[in-house]
Protein backbone atom coordinates (compact mmCIF):
# COMPACT_ATOMS: atom_id res chain seq x y z
CA MET A 1 101.58 -6.23 -58.68
CA THR A 2 104.96 -7.31 -57.40
CA ALA A 3 108.21 -6.04 -58.78
CA SER A 4 109.93 -8.27 -61.30
CA SER A 5 113.05 -10.14 -60.30
CA SER A 6 115.17 -7.88 -62.53
CA GLU A 7 113.76 -4.79 -60.84
CA ARG A 8 114.45 -6.25 -57.42
CA ARG A 9 118.01 -7.07 -58.44
CA GLN A 10 118.48 -3.52 -59.72
CA VAL A 11 117.23 -2.06 -56.44
CA GLY A 12 119.45 -4.46 -54.51
CA THR A 13 122.48 -3.49 -56.61
CA GLN A 14 121.79 0.23 -56.09
CA ALA A 15 121.50 -0.31 -52.34
CA MET A 16 124.74 -2.29 -52.27
CA THR A 17 126.71 0.33 -54.22
CA MET A 18 125.42 3.03 -51.90
CA ILE A 19 126.41 1.04 -48.82
CA ILE A 20 129.88 0.35 -50.22
CA SER A 21 130.36 4.05 -51.03
CA ILE A 22 129.40 4.98 -47.47
CA ILE A 23 131.72 2.37 -45.96
CA VAL A 24 134.67 3.50 -48.10
CA PHE A 25 134.01 7.13 -47.18
CA ILE A 26 133.77 6.40 -43.44
CA ILE A 27 136.94 4.29 -43.43
CA THR A 28 138.82 6.89 -45.51
CA LEU A 29 137.76 9.78 -43.28
CA THR A 30 138.55 7.82 -40.11
CA LEU A 31 142.04 6.96 -41.31
CA ILE A 32 142.65 10.58 -42.34
CA LEU A 33 141.79 11.68 -38.82
CA VAL A 34 143.80 8.93 -37.10
CA LYS A 35 146.78 9.06 -39.51
CA PRO A 36 148.15 5.58 -38.77
CA LYS A 37 151.96 5.70 -38.51
CA GLY A 38 151.85 9.35 -39.58
CA MET A 39 150.62 8.51 -43.07
CA ASN A 40 149.79 11.57 -45.16
CA GLU A 41 146.08 12.12 -45.73
CA ALA A 42 146.65 12.36 -49.49
CA PHE A 43 147.71 8.71 -49.73
CA ILE A 44 144.78 7.61 -47.58
CA ALA A 45 142.31 9.48 -49.78
CA LEU A 46 144.02 8.10 -52.89
CA ALA A 47 143.63 4.55 -51.57
CA GLY A 48 139.93 5.16 -51.00
CA ALA A 49 139.48 6.49 -54.54
CA ILE A 50 141.40 3.55 -56.03
CA ILE A 51 139.17 1.07 -54.17
CA LEU A 52 136.10 2.76 -55.64
CA PHE A 53 137.61 2.53 -59.13
CA VAL A 54 138.47 -1.13 -58.68
CA LEU A 55 134.89 -1.78 -57.59
CA GLN A 56 133.71 0.21 -60.65
CA LEU A 57 131.86 2.72 -58.50
CA LEU A 58 133.78 5.56 -60.13
CA LYS A 59 134.53 6.20 -63.80
CA LEU A 60 137.11 8.18 -65.74
CA GLU A 61 134.58 10.92 -66.51
CA ASP A 62 134.14 11.39 -62.76
CA VAL A 63 137.87 12.18 -62.49
CA VAL A 64 137.55 14.73 -65.29
CA TYR A 65 134.57 16.36 -63.57
CA ILE A 66 136.20 16.55 -60.14
CA TRP A 67 139.51 17.77 -61.57
CA GLY A 68 137.59 20.64 -63.13
CA PHE A 69 136.24 21.39 -59.65
CA VAL A 70 139.52 21.32 -57.71
CA TRP A 71 142.44 22.27 -59.98
CA ASN A 72 142.25 26.05 -59.59
CA ALA A 73 141.74 25.89 -55.83
CA THR A 74 144.59 23.47 -55.19
CA PHE A 75 147.15 25.31 -57.29
CA SER A 76 146.00 28.60 -55.69
CA LEU A 77 146.64 27.13 -52.26
CA ILE A 78 150.12 25.98 -53.30
CA GLY A 79 150.95 29.46 -54.60
CA ILE A 80 149.67 31.16 -51.44
CA MET A 81 151.54 28.75 -49.16
CA ILE A 82 154.82 29.28 -51.06
CA PHE A 83 154.32 33.04 -50.86
CA THR A 84 153.57 32.81 -47.13
CA SER A 85 156.65 30.66 -46.54
CA LEU A 86 158.87 33.18 -48.32
CA LEU A 87 157.48 36.06 -46.24
CA ASP A 88 158.02 34.03 -43.08
CA GLN A 89 161.65 33.31 -43.97
CA ASN A 90 162.32 37.05 -44.06
CA GLY A 91 160.69 37.49 -40.63
CA PHE A 92 157.60 39.30 -41.97
CA PHE A 93 155.09 37.85 -39.50
CA ARG A 94 157.44 37.67 -36.52
CA TRP A 95 158.15 41.37 -37.03
CA ALA A 96 154.42 42.10 -36.73
CA ALA A 97 154.01 39.85 -33.67
CA LEU A 98 156.97 41.48 -31.86
CA HIS A 99 155.50 44.93 -32.47
CA ILE A 100 152.28 43.76 -30.82
CA VAL A 101 154.06 42.17 -27.86
CA HIS A 102 156.24 45.23 -27.22
CA ARG A 103 153.30 47.62 -27.37
CA PHE A 104 150.77 45.60 -25.35
CA PHE A 105 152.97 43.56 -23.03
CA HIS A 106 151.47 45.07 -19.86
CA ARG A 107 147.89 45.08 -21.17
CA PRO A 108 146.94 41.40 -21.51
CA LEU A 109 143.44 41.90 -22.93
CA LEU A 110 144.80 44.11 -25.69
CA LEU A 111 147.68 41.69 -26.26
CA PHE A 112 145.19 38.86 -26.72
CA THR A 113 143.04 40.99 -29.02
CA MET A 114 145.90 42.18 -31.20
CA LEU A 115 147.44 38.71 -31.59
CA SER A 116 144.00 37.43 -32.59
CA LEU A 117 143.64 40.27 -35.09
CA LEU A 118 147.09 39.48 -36.51
CA ALA A 119 145.91 35.90 -37.00
CA ALA A 120 142.78 37.24 -38.70
CA VAL A 121 144.79 39.42 -41.10
CA ILE A 122 147.08 36.51 -42.02
CA THR A 123 144.03 34.33 -42.63
CA ILE A 124 142.25 36.92 -44.77
CA PHE A 125 145.16 37.75 -47.07
CA PHE A 126 146.84 34.37 -47.11
CA ASN A 127 144.96 31.33 -45.76
CA ASN A 128 143.84 29.51 -42.65
CA ASP A 129 146.44 26.73 -42.72
CA GLY A 130 149.21 29.31 -43.08
CA THR A 131 147.88 31.12 -40.01
CA ILE A 132 148.21 27.96 -37.92
CA LEU A 133 151.73 27.23 -39.16
CA ILE A 134 152.90 30.80 -38.52
CA MET A 135 151.02 31.90 -35.42
CA VAL A 136 151.04 28.79 -33.22
CA PRO A 137 154.86 28.74 -32.80
CA ILE A 138 154.88 32.51 -32.18
CA VAL A 139 152.12 32.34 -29.54
CA LEU A 140 153.71 29.31 -27.88
CA GLU A 141 156.96 31.25 -27.58
CA VAL A 142 155.32 34.46 -26.37
CA THR A 143 153.16 32.77 -23.72
CA ALA A 144 156.11 30.69 -22.49
CA LEU A 145 158.30 33.78 -22.09
CA LEU A 146 155.44 35.53 -20.28
CA LYS A 147 155.33 32.50 -17.95
CA LEU A 148 151.58 32.11 -18.29
CA SER A 149 149.70 29.19 -16.77
CA ARG A 150 148.43 26.34 -18.90
CA LYS A 151 144.96 27.94 -18.99
CA GLY A 152 146.46 31.28 -19.96
CA ARG A 153 148.46 29.77 -22.80
CA LEU A 154 145.42 27.81 -23.97
CA ALA A 155 143.32 30.98 -24.11
CA TYR A 156 145.79 32.68 -26.47
CA LEU A 157 146.20 29.53 -28.55
CA LEU A 158 142.44 29.04 -28.86
CA GLY A 159 142.10 32.66 -29.91
CA ILE A 160 144.35 32.24 -32.92
CA GLY A 161 143.10 28.69 -33.56
CA LEU A 162 139.50 29.84 -33.81
CA MET A 163 140.46 32.85 -35.90
CA ALA A 164 142.19 30.69 -38.49
CA ASP A 165 138.79 29.45 -39.68
CA THR A 166 136.28 32.03 -38.41
CA ALA A 167 138.25 34.80 -40.16
CA SER A 168 138.52 32.89 -43.43
CA ALA A 169 135.27 34.11 -45.02
CA PRO A 170 135.97 37.73 -46.16
CA LEU A 171 138.08 37.05 -49.27
CA MET A 172 138.12 34.21 -51.75
CA MET A 173 141.72 33.09 -51.20
CA SER A 174 141.42 32.90 -47.39
CA ASN A 175 140.32 29.26 -47.37
CA LEU A 176 140.50 26.36 -49.81
CA THR A 177 136.74 25.87 -49.32
CA ASN A 178 136.14 29.47 -50.47
CA ILE A 179 137.98 28.94 -53.75
CA LEU A 180 136.20 25.63 -54.36
CA THR A 181 132.79 27.21 -53.76
CA ALA A 182 133.57 30.32 -55.81
CA ASP A 183 134.76 28.16 -58.71
CA PHE A 184 131.73 25.88 -58.52
CA PHE A 185 129.25 28.78 -58.67
CA HIS A 186 131.41 31.02 -60.91
CA ILE A 187 131.61 33.80 -58.31
CA PRO A 188 134.26 36.41 -59.28
CA PHE A 189 136.58 37.93 -56.69
CA ASP A 190 134.84 41.31 -56.51
CA LEU A 191 131.33 39.82 -56.17
CA TYR A 192 132.60 37.41 -53.54
CA ALA A 193 134.13 40.27 -51.52
CA SER A 194 131.01 42.41 -51.82
CA LYS A 195 128.87 39.63 -50.35
CA MET A 196 131.23 38.17 -47.76
CA LEU A 197 133.43 41.02 -46.51
CA LEU A 198 130.99 42.37 -43.92
CA PRO A 199 129.80 38.96 -42.63
CA GLY A 200 133.45 37.95 -42.46
CA ILE A 201 134.43 41.04 -40.47
CA ALA A 202 131.46 40.41 -38.20
CA ALA A 203 132.74 36.87 -37.58
CA ILE A 204 136.16 38.27 -36.65
CA GLY A 205 134.63 40.73 -34.20
CA ALA A 206 132.37 38.04 -32.76
CA THR A 207 135.33 35.68 -32.31
CA ILE A 208 137.19 38.25 -30.23
CA ALA A 209 134.06 39.23 -28.27
CA VAL A 210 133.10 35.64 -27.45
CA SER A 211 136.69 34.72 -26.55
CA LEU A 212 137.05 37.71 -24.23
CA ALA A 213 133.64 37.06 -22.66
CA PHE A 214 134.82 33.59 -21.70
CA PHE A 215 138.54 34.09 -21.08
CA GLY A 216 138.75 37.84 -20.38
CA ARG A 217 138.84 37.75 -16.58
CA MET A 218 141.31 34.90 -16.53
CA ILE A 219 143.59 36.61 -19.08
CA LYS A 220 143.50 39.86 -17.11
CA ASN A 221 144.38 38.12 -13.87
CA GLU A 222 147.28 36.14 -15.32
CA GLU A 223 150.54 37.20 -13.68
CA SER A 224 153.30 38.01 -16.15
CA ARG A 225 156.79 37.75 -14.70
CA GLY A 226 158.83 38.15 -17.88
CA GLU A 227 161.30 41.02 -18.11
CA MET A 228 160.20 42.79 -21.24
CA PRO A 229 163.40 44.49 -22.41
CA LYS A 230 165.52 41.38 -21.82
CA VAL A 231 163.11 38.70 -23.01
CA PHE A 232 161.80 39.97 -26.32
CA PRO A 233 164.03 41.17 -29.15
CA GLN A 234 163.27 44.37 -31.00
CA PRO A 235 160.91 43.89 -33.99
CA ALA A 236 163.48 45.11 -36.50
CA THR A 237 165.83 42.26 -35.56
CA ALA A 238 163.27 39.74 -36.88
CA LEU A 239 163.72 40.99 -40.46
CA GLY A 240 166.31 39.39 -42.67
CA ASN A 241 166.33 42.25 -45.18
CA ILE A 242 164.44 45.53 -44.82
CA THR A 243 164.37 46.24 -48.57
CA LEU A 244 162.82 42.84 -49.29
CA PHE A 245 160.33 43.50 -46.48
CA ARG A 246 159.18 46.72 -48.16
CA LEU A 247 159.07 45.05 -51.56
CA SER A 248 156.87 42.30 -50.12
CA TRP A 249 154.18 44.87 -49.34
CA VAL A 250 154.20 45.93 -52.98
CA ILE A 251 153.84 42.32 -54.12
CA ILE A 252 150.94 41.78 -51.70
CA VAL A 253 149.15 44.79 -53.21
CA MET A 254 149.86 43.39 -56.68
CA MET A 255 148.30 40.10 -55.63
CA MET A 256 145.11 41.78 -54.38
CA VAL A 257 144.80 43.84 -57.56
CA GLY A 258 145.44 40.72 -59.61
CA TYR A 259 142.64 38.83 -57.88
CA LEU A 260 140.30 41.77 -58.41
CA MET A 261 141.07 41.99 -62.15
CA SER A 262 141.42 38.27 -62.83
CA GLU A 263 137.80 37.65 -63.77
CA HIS A 264 137.76 40.59 -66.19
CA PHE A 265 140.76 39.20 -68.09
CA GLY A 266 139.80 35.55 -67.72
CA VAL A 267 142.86 34.72 -65.62
CA PRO A 268 142.43 31.91 -63.04
CA ALA A 269 143.15 32.72 -59.39
CA CYS A 270 145.95 30.16 -59.28
CA ALA A 271 147.88 32.08 -61.95
CA ILE A 272 147.82 35.18 -59.73
CA ALA A 273 148.89 33.24 -56.63
CA LEU A 274 151.67 31.30 -58.36
CA GLY A 275 152.82 34.37 -60.29
CA CYS A 276 153.17 36.53 -57.18
CA ALA A 277 154.86 33.66 -55.36
CA GLY A 278 157.35 33.48 -58.24
CA ILE A 279 158.05 37.22 -58.02
CA GLN A 280 158.54 36.99 -54.25
CA TRP A 281 160.85 34.00 -54.69
CA ALA A 282 162.96 35.86 -57.25
CA ALA A 283 163.19 38.90 -54.97
CA SER A 284 164.08 36.72 -51.98
CA ALA A 285 166.78 35.03 -54.02
CA VAL A 286 168.26 38.39 -55.00
CA TYR A 287 168.50 39.42 -51.36
CA LYS A 288 169.60 35.93 -50.28
CA GLN A 289 166.62 35.39 -47.99
CA VAL A 290 165.27 32.14 -49.39
CA ASN A 291 165.96 28.56 -48.40
CA ALA A 292 164.92 26.78 -51.58
CA LYS A 293 164.78 23.33 -50.01
CA GLN A 294 162.71 24.52 -47.05
CA THR A 295 160.34 26.42 -49.34
CA VAL A 296 159.76 23.45 -51.62
CA LEU A 297 159.27 21.07 -48.71
CA ARG A 298 156.80 23.37 -46.95
CA ALA A 299 154.63 23.74 -50.05
CA PRO A 300 151.56 21.45 -49.83
CA TRP A 301 152.16 19.58 -53.09
CA LEU A 302 150.18 16.58 -51.94
CA ILE A 303 147.07 18.77 -51.62
CA ILE A 304 146.63 18.14 -55.36
CA VAL A 305 146.33 14.41 -54.73
CA PHE A 306 144.27 14.87 -51.59
CA ALA A 307 141.75 17.31 -53.07
CA LEU A 308 141.21 15.18 -56.18
CA ALA A 309 141.05 11.83 -54.39
CA MET A 310 138.97 12.95 -51.40
CA ASN A 311 136.45 14.71 -53.59
CA LEU A 312 136.18 11.58 -55.74
CA VAL A 313 135.38 9.56 -52.62
CA VAL A 314 132.73 12.13 -51.68
CA TYR A 315 131.40 12.30 -55.23
CA SER A 316 130.74 8.57 -55.13
CA LEU A 317 128.32 9.25 -52.27
CA HIS A 318 126.45 11.64 -54.56
CA VAL A 319 126.50 9.37 -57.58
CA HIS A 320 125.15 6.37 -55.68
CA GLY A 321 122.47 8.21 -53.73
CA ALA A 322 124.01 8.22 -50.26
CA VAL A 323 123.40 11.95 -49.83
CA ALA A 324 120.15 12.17 -51.80
CA TRP A 325 118.43 13.31 -48.60
CA PHE A 326 120.53 16.49 -48.28
CA PRO A 327 118.93 18.51 -51.12
CA ASP A 328 115.53 17.88 -49.52
CA PHE A 329 116.78 19.38 -46.27
CA ILE A 330 118.20 22.38 -48.12
CA SER A 331 114.95 22.87 -50.03
CA ALA A 332 112.91 22.69 -46.82
CA VAL A 333 114.96 25.23 -44.84
CA SER A 334 115.20 27.68 -47.77
CA SER A 335 111.54 27.61 -48.77
CA GLY A 336 110.48 30.31 -46.31
CA SER A 337 111.71 33.84 -45.71
CA PRO A 338 115.30 34.80 -46.58
CA MET A 339 116.11 35.25 -42.88
CA ALA A 340 114.87 31.79 -41.94
CA GLY A 341 116.57 30.32 -45.01
CA ILE A 342 119.94 31.92 -44.29
CA PHE A 343 119.97 30.84 -40.65
CA GLY A 344 118.52 27.38 -41.35
CA SER A 345 120.80 26.52 -44.24
CA GLY A 346 123.87 28.06 -42.57
CA LEU A 347 123.36 25.91 -39.49
CA LEU A 348 122.74 22.84 -41.65
CA PHE A 349 125.96 23.41 -43.61
CA ALA A 350 127.83 23.96 -40.32
CA LEU A 351 126.62 20.68 -38.83
CA LEU A 352 127.58 18.85 -42.02
CA ALA A 353 131.10 20.32 -41.95
CA ALA A 354 131.50 19.53 -38.26
CA ALA A 355 130.40 15.94 -38.81
CA ILE A 356 132.42 15.00 -41.91
CA ASN A 357 135.04 17.79 -42.36
CA ASN A 358 134.47 20.94 -44.38
CA LEU A 359 136.24 19.81 -47.57
CA PRO A 360 133.82 16.92 -48.24
CA ALA A 361 130.99 19.16 -46.99
CA VAL A 362 131.72 21.77 -49.67
CA LEU A 363 131.19 19.34 -52.54
CA ILE A 364 128.06 17.80 -51.01
CA SER A 365 126.64 21.27 -50.27
CA SER A 366 127.47 22.68 -53.70
CA LEU A 367 125.90 19.74 -55.52
CA ALA A 368 122.79 19.97 -53.31
CA ILE A 369 122.42 23.72 -53.88
CA THR A 370 122.63 23.20 -57.64
CA GLN A 371 120.11 20.38 -57.48
CA VAL A 372 117.46 22.40 -55.62
CA ASN A 373 118.10 25.56 -57.68
CA GLY A 374 117.41 27.54 -54.53
CA PRO A 375 117.79 31.21 -53.54
CA ASP A 376 120.91 33.20 -54.37
CA TYR A 377 122.01 33.35 -50.73
CA LEU A 378 122.62 29.60 -50.42
CA PRO A 379 126.25 29.58 -51.68
CA TYR A 380 127.12 32.38 -49.23
CA ALA A 381 125.38 30.68 -46.31
CA SER A 382 127.32 27.57 -47.29
CA LEU A 383 130.59 29.51 -47.19
CA LEU A 384 129.92 30.73 -43.65
CA GLY A 385 128.58 27.40 -42.47
CA THR A 386 131.48 25.31 -43.76
CA ALA A 387 134.16 27.81 -42.65
CA ILE A 388 132.89 28.78 -39.20
CA GLY A 389 130.85 25.66 -38.42
CA ALA A 390 133.96 23.54 -38.97
CA LYS A 391 135.20 24.79 -35.58
CA LEU A 392 132.46 22.88 -33.74
CA THR A 393 134.52 19.68 -33.69
CA PRO A 394 138.20 18.72 -34.03
CA ILE A 395 137.51 16.96 -37.34
CA GLY A 396 135.73 19.94 -38.89
CA SER A 397 138.77 21.32 -40.67
CA LEU A 398 142.34 20.28 -41.44
CA ALA A 399 143.46 23.57 -39.87
CA THR A 400 142.00 22.47 -36.51
CA LEU A 401 143.73 19.09 -36.71
CA LEU A 402 147.00 20.87 -37.52
CA TRP A 403 146.43 23.23 -34.57
CA LEU A 404 145.90 20.30 -32.19
CA GLN A 405 149.11 18.70 -33.40
CA LEU A 406 151.25 21.84 -33.09
CA VAL A 407 149.99 22.92 -29.66
CA SER A 408 150.59 19.39 -28.36
CA GLN A 409 154.14 19.47 -29.69
CA GLY A 410 154.55 22.82 -27.93
CA GLY A 411 153.65 21.31 -24.57
CA VAL A 412 149.96 22.32 -24.33
CA LYS A 413 148.05 19.11 -24.80
CA VAL A 414 144.38 19.51 -25.71
CA SER A 415 142.13 16.47 -25.88
CA TRP A 416 139.40 16.14 -28.48
CA ARG A 417 136.86 16.28 -25.64
CA GLU A 418 138.27 19.54 -24.27
CA TYR A 419 138.44 21.11 -27.72
CA THR A 420 134.84 20.09 -28.52
CA LYS A 421 133.68 21.77 -25.30
CA TYR A 422 135.17 25.07 -26.42
CA GLY A 423 134.10 24.52 -30.03
CA LEU A 424 130.45 24.07 -29.09
CA LEU A 425 130.58 27.01 -26.68
CA PHE A 426 132.21 29.52 -29.06
CA THR A 427 131.19 28.54 -32.57
CA PHE A 428 127.41 28.87 -32.52
CA PRO A 429 127.29 32.54 -31.43
CA ILE A 430 130.02 33.46 -33.92
CA LEU A 431 128.18 31.69 -36.76
CA LEU A 432 124.81 33.22 -35.84
CA ILE A 433 126.26 36.74 -35.83
CA ALA A 434 127.91 36.20 -39.22
CA LEU A 435 124.66 34.80 -40.69
CA LEU A 436 122.74 37.75 -39.24
CA VAL A 437 125.05 40.21 -40.99
CA LEU A 438 124.76 38.21 -44.23
CA TRP A 439 120.98 38.61 -44.02
CA LEU A 440 121.13 42.31 -43.06
CA THR A 441 123.58 43.29 -45.81
CA GLY A 442 122.27 41.10 -48.63
CA ASP A 443 119.54 41.95 -51.12
CA TYR A 444 117.74 38.60 -51.04
């Protein structure tokens, strides 16, 4: 029997809607990466979502569903970025960097290691984008004053650039993708930390080990001609107000405790982040260490528009069957032993993030995991894959794109081809070590 004309039309319509969804997604993602005339990615994603609405490929209930997915994560990111900006205005991070430079100035391998660890700490307790914004200017300044070669400067910059994402797994607030995943699967802060802290620490150690294995000899042989006492100021001079600096440590502890207790009291993570940012702002205002205009401008307000619109564009792929193949892949790689499943799914999530950016990859991965109703380790393998695997390519994460932009502005131009060479070389061993520790420490 042949299919009726109505059935054929229905199949044809389904195929057409899927093709249109794919085309809109590809064009949207391409424009986000290219940023024509410096256009903000939020407006590009919004345009893509509007086109899908006009074509009736998205409905109002889709907006409600996606808003439920992104609201907590986006407002958490805004709170964390405001908090980070306020700390930076008082010299908090520059103080730490100057301590490292003064102590390890004549020991380049340790200097590299400690600057990378500082980037890791900022990523863990704040977020990956904040690490790029804070550490890239500091490392550009330090390496210029040390009169390092272009390769020497690039080694230090790659160290903190890699760490911005590879160190973002240990705690929930370290990466927007972490918060999105934790919200989707209802993973509380303490459970998240118990599962991801050790794999995340392993990723940090692996990042330093792999970087030193590749750059170590070159870093050690770099000639430093800077005059230490004259070139670098004393760490204490970086601080605007010492009392506010001490108070900031108290507020950071309050934030960590708040995250830990938030699930017990039913308080969303964004309330903790915004609340602590508000306390820090008030304290900074008291000690006259806040530039209100700068703080407001630096806050990523448009992330609300971007997260909602971009996830709507991605969700249309799911609704119209464009990613129907992905759950089958997840089911296949997770059907065997936990070890094979963790490594197989982690690599699959990493390749997806590297190909289409980790923010779209999180939604596609989360929906696929729910659809296959697979093993408990899948969300955690997804977290590692989308965070670390994003470093494989320049488009894998917004933090990498921001890094490329800032290092270029600082006089160290890195092509996409050159970055991809390092990304492919470094990322796979780091990811495999993190996945190994996830398997060794998990009860799956």
